[in-house]
Amino acid sequence: MAILIITHNLNLVRHMTDRMAIMYLGRFVEVSSTERIFDLPHHPYTEAPSPFF
């Protein structure tokens, strides 16, 4: 089964997914396991503080 969630609320996605993709300016900048993206983000956009955390 697959589900597509488009949101700025990464905390919500963190608890619902095993894998996720981060988009910036309409392009995928990170695609990996949810755990890895939160533990070791590679793109500055992913590292930026979010008002949803």
C-alpha atoms as a PDB file:
ATOM      1  CA  MET A   1       0.000   0.000   0.000  1.00  0.00           C
ATOM      2  CA  ALA A   2       1.168   3.532  -0.653  1.00  0.00           C
ATOM      3  CA  ILE A   3      -0.046   6.909   0.507  1.00  0.00           C
ATOM      4  CA  LEU A   4       1.027  10.372  -0.618  1.00  0.00           C
ATOM      5  CA  ILE A   5       1.057  13.077   2.034  1.00  0.00           C
ATOM      6  CA  ILE A   6       1.938  16.604   0.993  1.00  0.00           C
ATOM      7  CA  THR A   7       2.532  18.802   4.022  1.00  0.00           C
ATOM      8  CA  HIS A   8       4.895  21.248   5.681  1.00  0.00           C
ATOM      9  CA  ASN A   9       4.294  19.505   9.000  1.00  0.00           C
ATOM     10  CA  LEU A  10       7.259  17.122   9.095  1.00  0.00           C
ATOM     11  CA  ASN A  11       6.449  16.075  12.653  1.00  0.00           C
ATOM     12  CA  LEU A  12       3.175  14.599  11.395  1.00  0.00           C
ATOM     13  CA  VAL A  13       4.955  12.706   8.606  1.00  0.00           C
ATOM     14  CA  ARG A  14       7.608  11.488  11.034  1.00  0.00           C
ATOM     15  CA  HIS A  15       5.053   9.388  12.880  1.00  0.00           C
ATOM     16  CA  MET A  16       3.207   8.089   9.814  1.00  0.00           C
ATOM     17  CA  THR A  17       5.891   6.996   7.338  1.00  0.00           C
ATOM     18  CA  ASP A  18       8.877   4.707   6.874  1.00  0.00           C
ATOM     19  CA  ARG A  19      10.274   6.633   3.894  1.00  0.00           C
ATOM     20  CA  MET A  20       9.915  10.235   2.833  1.00  0.00           C
ATOM     21  CA  ALA A  21      11.060  12.742   0.256  1.00  0.00           C
ATOM     22  CA  ILE A  22      11.913  16.371   0.881  1.00  0.00           C
ATOM     23  CA  MET A  23      11.163  18.839  -1.909  1.00  0.00           C
ATOM     24  CA  TYR A  24      12.700  22.285  -2.292  1.00  0.00           C
ATOM     25  CA  LEU A  25      11.762  24.631  -5.128  1.00  0.00           C
ATOM     26  CA  GLY A  26       9.847  21.847  -6.865  1.00  0.00           C
ATOM     27  CA  ARG A  27      12.710  19.317  -6.832  1.00  0.00           C
ATOM     28  CA  PHE A  28      13.446  16.348  -4.625  1.00  0.00           C
ATOM     29  CA  VAL A  29      16.505  17.146  -2.491  1.00  0.00           C
ATOM     30  CA  GLU A  30      16.351  14.136  -0.149  1.00  0.00           C
ATOM     31  CA  VAL A  31      14.726  10.734  -0.466  1.00  0.00           C
ATOM     32  CA  SER A  32      15.460   8.260   2.295  1.00  0.00           C
ATOM     33  CA  SER A  33      14.124   6.529   5.359  1.00  0.00           C
ATOM     34  CA  THR A  34      12.254   8.868   7.664  1.00  0.00           C
ATOM     35  CA  GLU A  35      14.594   7.994  10.511  1.00  0.00           C
ATOM     36  CA  ARG A  36      17.711   8.925   8.509  1.00  0.00           C
ATOM     37  CA  ILE A  37      16.257  12.224   7.330  1.00  0.00           C
ATOM     38  CA  PHE A  38      15.524  13.277  10.912  1.00  0.00           C
ATOM     39  CA  ASP A  39      18.788  11.918  12.354  1.00  0.00           C
ATOM     40  CA  LEU A  40      21.156  13.077   9.593  1.00  0.00           C
ATOM     41  CA  PRO A  41      19.623  15.602   7.180  1.00  0.00           C
ATOM     42  CA  HIS A  42      21.831  16.437   4.188  1.00  0.00           C
ATOM     43  CA  HIS A  43      20.125  19.453   2.671  1.00  0.00           C
ATOM     44  CA  PRO A  44      20.085  22.862   4.411  1.00  0.00           C
ATOM     45  CA  TYR A  45      16.333  23.155   3.788  1.00  0.00           C
ATOM     46  CA  THR A  46      15.749  19.975   5.789  1.00  0.00           C
ATOM     47  CA  GLU A  47      17.970  21.232   8.613  1.00  0.00           C
ATOM     48  CA  ALA A  48      16.178  24.600   8.837  1.00  0.00           C
ATOM     49  CA  PRO A  49      14.071  25.113  11.958  1.00  0.00           C
ATOM     50  CA  SER A  50      10.386  24.499  11.398  1.00  0.00           C
ATOM     51  CA  PRO A  51       7.520  26.124  13.290  1.00  0.00           C
ATOM     52  CA  PHE A  52       5.842  22.690  13.349  1.00  0.00           C
ATOM     53  CA  PHE A  53       8.483  20.949  15.531  1.00  0.00           C
END
